[in-house]
Amino acid sequence: MNKSDIMDKISSEAEITKAQAENALNAILEAITGTLAAGDKVTLVGFGSFSVTERAARTGRNPQTGAELKIPAGATPKFTAGKELKETVKGS
């Protein structure tokens, strides 16, 4: 399922136009992105939590040449599924 499919699903479930569904989805994604960029956590009860984790600097390898390279430390987004989501997926 891609973004267009999600907008179609929102449009039909909420009985709104596709343009309104697109605006709603974009607003949600911008809110989550902005919150994570500020270093905060987003929790959607039953669905899951989005957070930012710090990754330490490490040494990696170029898969084409095998040469070692230094990967700098940085922040990366993380998603942890909630209980209801886990149970729904597990039961399907």
PDB file of N, CA and C in Angstrom:
ATOM      1  N   MET A   1       0.856  -1.176   0.000  1.00  0.00           N
ATOM      2  CA  MET A   1       0.000   0.000   0.000  1.00  0.00           C
ATOM      3  C   MET A   1       0.896   1.231   0.000  1.00  0.00           C
ATOM      4  N   ASN A   2       0.606   2.174  -0.863  1.00  0.00           N
ATOM      5  CA  ASN A   2       1.395   3.406  -0.923  1.00  0.00           C
ATOM      6  C   ASN A   2       0.546   4.591  -0.464  1.00  0.00           C
ATOM      7  N   LYS A   3       1.132   5.774  -0.538  1.00  0.00           N
ATOM      8  CA  LYS A   3       0.456   6.977  -0.042  1.00  0.00           C
ATOM      9  C   LYS A   3      -0.872   7.218  -0.768  1.00  0.00           C
ATOM     10  N   SER A   4      -0.894   6.997  -2.065  1.00  0.00           N
ATOM     11  CA  SER A   4      -2.119   7.191  -2.846  1.00  0.00           C
ATOM     12  C   SER A   4      -3.213   6.227  -2.388  1.00  0.00           C
ATOM     13  N   ASP A   5      -2.837   4.983  -2.114  1.00  0.00           N
ATOM     14  CA  ASP A   5      -3.803   3.993  -1.634  1.00  0.00           C
ATOM     15  C   ASP A   5      -4.350   4.386  -0.267  1.00  0.00           C
ATOM     16  N   ILE A   6      -3.483   4.910   0.581  1.00  0.00           N
ATOM     17  CA  ILE A   6      -3.920   5.350   1.914  1.00  0.00           C
ATOM     18  C   ILE A   6      -4.897   6.513   1.784  1.00  0.00           C
ATOM     19  N   MET A   7      -4.603   7.454   0.885  1.00  0.00           N
ATOM     20  CA  MET A   7      -5.520   8.591   0.683  1.00  0.00           C
ATOM     21  C   MET A   7      -6.874   8.100   0.187  1.00  0.00           C
ATOM     22  N   ASP A   8      -6.892   7.132  -0.720  1.00  0.00           N
ATOM     23  CA  ASP A   8      -8.152   6.573  -1.211  1.00  0.00           C
ATOM     24  C   ASP A   8      -8.937   5.932  -0.072  1.00  0.00           C
ATOM     25  N   LYS A   9      -8.243   5.189   0.782  1.00  0.00           N
ATOM     26  CA  LYS A   9      -8.882   4.517   1.918  1.00  0.00           C
ATOM     27  C   LYS A   9      -9.460   5.540   2.900  1.00  0.00           C
ATOM     28  N   ILE A  10      -8.693   6.594   3.201  1.00  0.00           N
ATOM     29  CA  ILE A  10      -9.169   7.651   4.101  1.00  0.00           C
ATOM     30  C   ILE A  10     -10.404   8.311   3.496  1.00  0.00           C
ATOM     31  N   SER A  11     -10.339   8.601   2.207  1.00  0.00           N
ATOM     32  CA  SER A  11     -11.438   9.260   1.506  1.00  0.00           C
ATOM     33  C   SER A  11     -12.730   8.445   1.606  1.00  0.00           C
ATOM     34  N   SER A  12     -12.627   7.153   1.371  1.00  0.00           N
ATOM     35  CA  SER A  12     -13.832   6.321   1.405  1.00  0.00           C
ATOM     36  C   SER A  12     -14.331   6.075   2.822  1.00  0.00           C
ATOM     37  N   GLU A  13     -13.419   5.824   3.766  1.00  0.00           N
ATOM     38  CA  GLU A  13     -13.819   5.544   5.151  1.00  0.00           C
ATOM     39  C   GLU A  13     -14.419   6.772   5.838  1.00  0.00           C
ATOM     40  N   ALA A  14     -13.831   7.946   5.597  1.00  0.00           N
ATOM     41  CA  ALA A  14     -14.282   9.168   6.266  1.00  0.00           C
ATOM     42  C   ALA A  14     -15.337   9.917   5.445  1.00  0.00           C
ATOM     43  N   GLU A  15     -15.618   9.408   4.243  1.00  0.00           N
ATOM     44  CA  GLU A  15     -16.590  10.040   3.341  1.00  0.00           C
ATOM     45  C   GLU A  15     -16.242  11.500   3.085  1.00  0.00           C
ATOM     46  N   ILE A  16     -14.990  11.714   2.679  1.00  0.00           N
ATOM     47  CA  ILE A  16     -14.511  13.040   2.310  1.00  0.00           C
ATOM     48  C   ILE A  16     -13.879  12.941   0.925  1.00  0.00           C
ATOM     49  N   THR A  17     -13.588  14.089   0.337  1.00  0.00           N
ATOM     50  CA  THR A  17     -12.967  14.075  -0.991  1.00  0.00           C
ATOM     51  C   THR A  17     -11.520  13.604  -0.897  1.00  0.00           C
ATOM     52  N   LYS A  18     -10.995  13.200  -2.038  1.00  0.00           N
ATOM     53  CA  LYS A  18      -9.594  12.753  -2.061  1.00  0.00           C
ATOM     54  C   LYS A  18      -8.646  13.906  -1.731  1.00  0.00           C
ATOM     55  N   ALA A  19      -9.007  15.119  -2.137  1.00  0.00           N
ATOM     56  CA  ALA A  19      -8.175  16.285  -1.826  1.00  0.00           C
ATOM     57  C   ALA A  19      -8.145  16.528  -0.318  1.00  0.00           C
ATOM     58  N   GLN A  20      -9.295  16.385   0.343  1.00  0.00           N
ATOM     59  CA  GLN A  20      -9.350  16.548   1.795  1.00  0.00           C
ATOM     60  C   GLN A  20      -8.561  15.443   2.496  1.00  0.00           C
ATOM     61  N   ALA A  21      -8.659  14.225   1.960  1.00  0.00           N
ATOM     62  CA  ALA A  21      -7.912  13.106   2.528  1.00  0.00           C
ATOM     63  C   ALA A  21      -6.409  13.341   2.377  1.00  0.00           C
ATOM     64  N   GLU A  22      -5.991  13.866   1.232  1.00  0.00           N
ATOM     65  CA  GLU A  22      -4.583  14.161   1.007  1.00  0.00           C
ATOM     66  C   GLU A  22      -4.095  15.230   1.987  1.00  0.00           C
ATOM     67  N   ASN A  23      -4.905  16.287   2.172  1.00  0.00           N
ATOM     68  CA  ASN A  23      -4.542  17.342   3.120  1.00  0.00           C
ATOM     69  C   ASN A  23      -4.423  16.792   4.539  1.00  0.00           C
ATOM     70  N   ALA A  24      -5.356  15.924   4.923  1.00  0.00           N
ATOM     71  CA  ALA A  24      -5.332  15.345   6.268  1.00  0.00           C
ATOM     72  C   ALA A  24      -4.090  14.473   6.457  1.00  0.00           C
ATOM     73  N   LEU A  25      -3.804  13.614   5.486  1.00  0.00           N
ATOM     74  CA  LEU A  25      -2.640  12.735   5.586  1.00  0.00           C
ATOM     75  C   LEU A  25      -1.348  13.545   5.627  1.00  0.00           C
ATOM     76  N   ASN A  26      -1.238  14.550   4.766  1.00  0.00           N
ATOM     77  CA  ASN A  26      -0.040  15.397   4.763  1.00  0.00           C
ATOM     78  C   ASN A  26       0.136  16.124   6.089  1.00  0.00           C
ATOM     79  N   ALA A  27      -0.980  16.585   6.671  1.00  0.00           N
ATOM     80  CA  ALA A  27      -0.906  17.274   7.964  1.00  0.00           C
ATOM     81  C   ALA A  27      -0.421  16.327   9.057  1.00  0.00           C
ATOM     82  N   ILE A  28      -0.898  15.092   9.037  1.00  0.00           N
ATOM     83  CA  ILE A  28      -0.469  14.101  10.029  1.00  0.00           C
ATOM     84  C   ILE A  28       1.024  13.814   9.879  1.00  0.00           C
ATOM     85  N   LEU A  29       1.460  13.583   8.645  1.00  0.00           N
ATOM     86  CA  LEU A  29       2.868  13.274   8.406  1.00  0.00           C
ATOM     87  C   LEU A  29       3.769  14.440   8.781  1.00  0.00           C
ATOM     88  N   GLU A  30       3.344  15.666   8.481  1.00  0.00           N
ATOM     89  CA  GLU A  30       4.128  16.851   8.845  1.00  0.00           C
ATOM     90  C   GLU A  30       4.203  17.007  10.364  1.00  0.00           C
ATOM     91  N   ALA A  31       3.098  16.715  11.055  1.00  0.00           N
ATOM     92  CA  ALA A  31       3.087  16.823  12.512  1.00  0.00           C
ATOM     93  C   ALA A  31       4.039  15.809  13.135  1.00  0.00           C
ATOM     94  N   ILE A  32       4.005  14.582  12.644  1.00  0.00           N
ATOM     95  CA  ILE A  32       4.906  13.546  13.166  1.00  0.00           C
ATOM     96  C   ILE A  32       6.354  13.917  12.870  1.00  0.00           C
ATOM     97  N   THR A  33       6.632  14.321  11.631  1.00  0.00           N
ATOM     98  CA  THR A  33       7.992  14.681  11.233  1.00  0.00           C
ATOM     99  C   THR A  33       8.519  15.852  12.050  1.00  0.00           C
ATOM    100  N   GLY A  34       7.704  16.884  12.216  1.00  0.00           N
ATOM    101  CA  GLY A  34       8.113  18.060  12.985  1.00  0.00           C
ATOM    102  C   GLY A  34       8.378  17.733  14.443  1.00  0.00           C
ATOM    103  N   THR A  35       7.542  16.885  15.010  1.00  0.00           N
ATOM    104  CA  THR A  35       7.719  16.498  16.409  1.00  0.00           C
ATOM    105  C   THR A  35       9.009  15.713  16.590  1.00  0.00           C
ATOM    106  N   LEU A  36       9.279  14.776  15.679  1.00  0.00           N
ATOM    107  CA  LEU A  36      10.517  13.995  15.758  1.00  0.00           C
ATOM    108  C   LEU A  36      11.738  14.874  15.535  1.00  0.00           C
ATOM    109  N   ALA A  37      11.643  15.828  14.611  1.00  0.00           N
ATOM    110  CA  ALA A  37      12.759  16.735  14.343  1.00  0.00           C
ATOM    111  C   ALA A  37      13.086  17.578  15.576  1.00  0.00           C
ATOM    112  N   ALA A  38      12.064  17.853  16.388  1.00  0.00           N
ATOM    113  CA  ALA A  38      12.271  18.620  17.619  1.00  0.00           C
ATOM    114  C   ALA A  38      12.802  17.730  18.748  1.00  0.00           C
ATOM    115  N   GLY A  39      12.922  16.432  18.486  1.00  0.00           N
ATOM    116  CA  GLY A  39      13.456  15.511  19.481  1.00  0.00           C
ATOM    117  C   GLY A  39      12.419  14.924  20.417  1.00  0.00           C
ATOM    118  N   ASP A  40      11.135  15.139  20.111  1.00  0.00           N
ATOM    119  CA  ASP A  40      10.068  14.617  20.959  1.00  0.00           C
ATOM    120  C   ASP A  40       9.538  13.294  20.420  1.00  0.00           C
ATOM    121  N   LYS A  41       8.672  12.673  21.194  1.00  0.00           N
ATOM    122  CA  LYS A  41       8.105  11.372  20.863  1.00  0.00           C
ATOM    123  C   LYS A  41       6.634  11.537  20.483  1.00  0.00           C
ATOM    124  N   VAL A  42       6.162  10.722  19.537  1.00  0.00           N
ATOM    125  CA  VAL A  42       4.754  10.719  19.143  1.00  0.00           C
ATOM    126  C   VAL A  42       4.178   9.357  19.515  1.00  0.00           C
ATOM    127  N   THR A  43       3.121   9.359  20.327  1.00  0.00           N
ATOM    128  CA  THR A  43       2.490   8.111  20.742  1.00  0.00           C
ATOM    129  C   THR A  43       1.045   8.084  20.278  1.00  0.00           C
ATOM    130  N   LEU A  44       0.703   7.046  19.524  1.00  0.00           N
ATOM    131  CA  LEU A  44      -0.665   6.814  19.097  1.00  0.00           C
ATOM    132  C   LEU A  44      -1.118   5.544  19.812  1.00  0.00           C
ATOM    133  N   VAL A  45      -1.898   5.716  20.872  1.00  0.00           N
ATOM    134  CA  VAL A  45      -2.275   4.606  21.742  1.00  0.00           C
ATOM    135  C   VAL A  45      -2.912   3.480  20.920  1.00  0.00           C
ATOM    136  N   GLY A  46      -2.420   2.285  21.117  1.00  0.00           N
ATOM    137  CA  GLY A  46      -2.916   1.112  20.408  1.00  0.00           C
ATOM    138  C   GLY A  46      -2.226   0.878  19.074  1.00  0.00           C
ATOM    139  N   PHE A  47      -1.709   1.928  18.462  1.00  0.00           N
ATOM    140  CA  PHE A  47      -1.027   1.784  17.167  1.00  0.00           C
ATOM    141  C   PHE A  47       0.472   1.659  17.347  1.00  0.00           C
ATOM    142  N   GLY A  48       1.075   2.635  18.040  1.00  0.00           N
ATOM    143  CA  GLY A  48       2.509   2.571  18.264  1.00  0.00           C
ATOM    144  C   GLY A  48       3.103   3.923  18.589  1.00  0.00           C
ATOM    145  N   SER A  49       4.427   3.943  18.696  1.00  0.00           N
ATOM    146  CA  SER A  49       5.152   5.157  19.057  1.00  0.00           C
ATOM    147  C   SER A  49       6.277   5.422  18.072  1.00  0.00           C
ATOM    148  N   PHE A  50       6.432   6.679  17.730  1.00  0.00           N
ATOM    149  CA  PHE A  50       7.543   7.137  16.913  1.00  0.00           C
ATOM    150  C   PHE A  50       8.490   7.885  17.841  1.00  0.00           C
ATOM    151  N   SER A  51       9.775   7.604  17.732  1.00  0.00           N
ATOM    152  CA  SER A  51      10.754   8.293  18.561  1.00  0.00           C
ATOM    153  C   SER A  51      12.045   8.460  17.772  1.00  0.00           C
ATOM    154  N   VAL A  52      12.983   9.176  18.363  1.00  0.00           N
ATOM    155  CA  VAL A  52      14.289   9.385  17.748  1.00  0.00           C
ATOM    156  C   VAL A  52      15.329   8.720  18.627  1.00  0.00           C
ATOM    157  N   THR A  53      16.192   7.926  18.026  1.00  0.00           N
ATOM    158  CA  THR A  53      17.273   7.288  18.770  1.00  0.00           C
ATOM    159  C   THR A  53      18.611   7.774  18.226  1.00  0.00           C
ATOM    160  N   GLU A  54      19.584   7.813  19.099  1.00  0.00           N
ATOM    161  CA  GLU A  54      20.933   8.214  18.704  1.00  0.00           C
ATOM    162  C   GLU A  54      21.736   6.984  18.324  1.00  0.00           C
ATOM    163  N   ARG A  55      22.436   7.068  17.215  1.00  0.00           N
ATOM    164  CA  ARG A  55      23.307   5.979  16.791  1.00  0.00           C
ATOM    165  C   ARG A  55      24.750   6.426  16.947  1.00  0.00           C
ATOM    166  N   ALA A  56      25.550   5.566  17.501  1.00  0.00           N
ATOM    167  CA  ALA A  56      26.965   5.873  17.716  1.00  0.00           C
ATOM    168  C   ALA A  56      27.728   5.810  16.394  1.00  0.00           C
ATOM    169  N   ALA A  57      28.844   6.495  16.340  1.00  0.00           N
ATOM    170  CA  ALA A  57      29.711   6.418  15.165  1.00  0.00           C
ATOM    171  C   ALA A  57      30.234   4.986  15.056  1.00  0.00           C
ATOM    172  N   ARG A  58      30.423   4.540  13.833  1.00  0.00           N
ATOM    173  CA  ARG A  58      30.896   3.173  13.644  1.00  0.00           C
ATOM    174  C   ARG A  58      31.650   3.052  12.329  1.00  0.00           C
ATOM    175  N   THR A  59      32.302   1.932  12.153  1.00  0.00           N
ATOM    176  CA  THR A  59      33.036   1.666  10.920  1.00  0.00           C
ATOM    177  C   THR A  59      32.194   0.734  10.065  1.00  0.00           C
ATOM    178  N   GLY A  60      32.027   1.080   8.791  1.00  0.00           N
ATOM    179  CA  GLY A  60      31.279   0.248   7.863  1.00  0.00           C
ATOM    180  C   GLY A  60      32.149  -0.136   6.688  1.00  0.00           C
ATOM    181  N   ARG A  61      31.553  -0.816   5.743  1.00  0.00           N
ATOM    182  CA  ARG A  61      32.280  -1.220   4.540  1.00  0.00           C
ATOM    183  C   ARG A  61      31.463  -0.864   3.315  1.00  0.00           C
ATOM    184  N   ASN A  62      32.161  -0.418   2.279  1.00  0.00           N
ATOM    185  CA  ASN A  62      31.529  -0.187   0.992  1.00  0.00           C
ATOM    186  C   ASN A  62      31.282  -1.574   0.382  1.00  0.00           C
ATOM    187  N   PRO A  63      30.016  -1.929   0.104  1.00  0.00           N
ATOM    188  CA  PRO A  63      29.741  -3.272  -0.387  1.00  0.00           C
ATOM    189  C   PRO A  63      30.331  -3.558  -1.780  1.00  0.00           C
ATOM    190  N   GLN A  64      30.591  -2.527  -2.557  1.00  0.00           N
ATOM    191  CA  GLN A  64      31.149  -2.739  -3.895  1.00  0.00           C
ATOM    192  C   GLN A  64      32.660  -2.935  -3.862  1.00  0.00           C
ATOM    193  N   THR A  65      33.339  -2.159  -3.018  1.00  0.00           N
ATOM    194  CA  THR A  65      34.812  -2.217  -3.007  1.00  0.00           C
ATOM    195  C   THR A  65      35.378  -2.921  -1.783  1.00  0.00           C
ATOM    196  N   GLY A  66      34.578  -3.041  -0.740  1.00  0.00           N
ATOM    197  CA  GLY A  66      35.066  -3.637   0.502  1.00  0.00           C
ATOM    198  C   GLY A  66      35.889  -2.682   1.352  1.00  0.00           C
ATOM    199  N   ALA A  67      36.055  -1.455   0.884  1.00  0.00           N
ATOM    200  CA  ALA A  67      36.844  -0.464   1.620  1.00  0.00           C
ATOM    201  C   ALA A  67      36.113  -0.037   2.892  1.00  0.00           C
ATOM    202  N   GLU A  68      36.865   0.138   3.968  1.00  0.00           N
ATOM    203  CA  GLU A  68      36.286   0.608   5.227  1.00  0.00           C
ATOM    204  C   GLU A  68      35.961   2.089   5.116  1.00  0.00           C
ATOM    205  N   LEU A  69      34.877   2.482   5.772  1.00  0.00           N
ATOM    206  CA  LEU A  69      34.534   3.895   5.839  1.00  0.00           C
ATOM    207  C   LEU A  69      33.936   4.191   7.195  1.00  0.00           C
ATOM    208  N   LYS A  70      34.102   5.428   7.624  1.00  0.00           N
ATOM    209  CA  LYS A  70      33.588   5.839   8.922  1.00  0.00           C
ATOM    210  C   LYS A  70      32.171   6.381   8.741  1.00  0.00           C
ATOM    211  N   ILE A  71      31.249   5.830   9.509  1.00  0.00           N
ATOM    212  CA  ILE A  71      29.870   6.289   9.502  1.00  0.00           C
ATOM    213  C   ILE A  71      29.703   7.161  10.740  1.00  0.00           C
ATOM    214  N   PRO A  72      29.355   8.438  10.563  1.00  0.00           N
ATOM    215  CA  PRO A  72      29.266   9.336  11.714  1.00  0.00           C
ATOM    216  C   PRO A  72      28.063   9.027  12.609  1.00  0.00           C
ATOM    217  N   ALA A  73      28.147   9.479  13.846  1.00  0.00           N
ATOM    218  CA  ALA A  73      27.027   9.356  14.778  1.00  0.00           C
ATOM    219  C   ALA A  73      25.876  10.211  14.261  1.00  0.00           C
ATOM    220  N   GLY A  74      24.681   9.843  14.610  1.00  0.00           N
ATOM    221  CA  GLY A  74      23.539  10.632  14.169  1.00  0.00           C
ATOM    222  C   GLY A  74      22.246  10.120  14.776  1.00  0.00           C
ATOM    223  N   ALA A  75      21.192  10.855  14.528  1.00  0.00           N
ATOM    224  CA  ALA A  75      19.869  10.488  15.021  1.00  0.00           C
ATOM    225  C   ALA A  75      19.110   9.773  13.911  1.00  0.00           C
ATOM    226  N   THR A  76      18.275   8.809  14.309  1.00  0.00           N
ATOM    227  CA  THR A  76      17.475   8.078  13.342  1.00  0.00           C
ATOM    228  C   THR A  76      16.074   7.854  13.917  1.00  0.00           C
ATOM    229  N   PRO A  77      15.040   7.917  13.075  1.00  0.00           N
ATOM    230  CA  PRO A  77      13.688   7.682  13.574  1.00  0.00           C
ATOM    231  C   PRO A  77      13.467   6.200  13.873  1.00  0.00           C
ATOM    232  N   LYS A  78      12.594   5.935  14.831  1.00  0.00           N
ATOM    233  CA  LYS A  78      12.303   4.567  15.241  1.00  0.00           C
ATOM    234  C   LYS A  78      10.800   4.444  15.461  1.00  0.00           C
ATOM    235  N   PHE A  79      10.220   3.308  15.050  1.00  0.00           N
ATOM    236  CA  PHE A  79       8.810   3.035  15.300  1.00  0.00           C
ATOM    237  C   PHE A  79       8.694   1.771  16.126  1.00  0.00           C
ATOM    238  N   THR A  80       7.887   1.832  17.182  1.00  0.00           N
ATOM    239  CA  THR A  80       7.615   0.667  18.010  1.00  0.00           C
ATOM    240  C   THR A  80       6.117   0.409  17.956  1.00  0.00           C
ATOM    241  N   ALA A  81       5.743  -0.774  17.492  1.00  0.00           N
ATOM    242  CA  ALA A  81       4.325  -1.117  17.359  1.00  0.00           C
ATOM    243  C   ALA A  81       3.661  -1.241  18.719  1.00  0.00           C
ATOM    244  N   GLY A  82       2.401  -0.804  18.787  1.00  0.00           N
ATOM    245  CA  GLY A  82       1.621  -0.906  20.011  1.00  0.00           C
ATOM    246  C   GLY A  82       0.996  -2.280  20.152  1.00  0.00           C
ATOM    247  N   LYS A  83       0.444  -2.548  21.305  1.00  0.00           N
ATOM    248  CA  LYS A  83      -0.122  -3.855  21.621  1.00  0.00           C
ATOM    249  C   LYS A  83      -1.239  -4.247  20.655  1.00  0.00           C
ATOM    250  N   GLU A  84      -2.178  -3.348  20.399  1.00  0.00           N
ATOM    251  CA  GLU A  84      -3.304  -3.667  19.519  1.00  0.00           C
ATOM    252  C   GLU A  84      -2.838  -3.962  18.099  1.00  0.00           C
ATOM    253  N   LEU A  85      -1.878  -3.185  17.601  1.00  0.00           N
ATOM    254  CA  LEU A  85      -1.351  -3.421  16.268  1.00  0.00           C
ATOM    255  C   LEU A  85      -0.669  -4.783  16.199  1.00  0.00           C
ATOM    256  N   LYS A  86       0.136  -5.100  17.195  1.00  0.00           N
ATOM    257  CA  LYS A  86       0.812  -6.392  17.226  1.00  0.00           C
ATOM    258  C   LYS A  86      -0.196  -7.549  17.231  1.00  0.00           C
ATOM    259  N   GLU A  87      -1.223  -7.420  18.055  1.00  0.00           N
ATOM    260  CA  GLU A  87      -2.231  -8.478  18.149  1.00  0.00           C
ATOM    261  C   GLU A  87      -3.019  -8.629  16.851  1.00  0.00           C
ATOM    262  N   THR A  88      -3.343  -7.509  16.213  1.00  0.00           N
ATOM    263  CA  THR A  88      -4.077  -7.555  14.955  1.00  0.00           C
ATOM    264  C   THR A  88      -3.247  -8.242  13.863  1.00  0.00           C
ATOM    265  N   VAL A  89      -1.985  -7.886  13.756  1.00  0.00           N
ATOM    266  CA  VAL A  89      -1.118  -8.482  12.750  1.00  0.00           C
ATOM    267  C   VAL A  89      -0.875  -9.956  13.053  1.00  0.00           C
ATOM    268  N   LYS A  90      -0.678 -10.257  14.319  1.00  0.00           N
ATOM    269  CA  LYS A  90      -0.416 -11.634  14.728  1.00  0.00           C
ATOM    270  C   LYS A  90      -1.618 -12.543  14.437  1.00  0.00           C
ATOM    271  N   GLY A  91      -2.821 -11.996  14.611  1.00  0.00           N
ATOM    272  CA  GLY A  91      -4.036 -12.784  14.420  1.00  0.00           C
ATOM    273  C   GLY A  91      -4.461 -12.959  12.980  1.00  0.00           C
ATOM    274  N   SER A  92      -3.818 -12.222  12.055  1.00  0.00           N
ATOM    275  CA  SER A  92      -4.256 -12.313  10.654  1.00  0.00           C
ATOM    276  C   SER A  92      -3.575 -13.412   9.891  1.00  0.00           C
TER     277      SER A  92
END
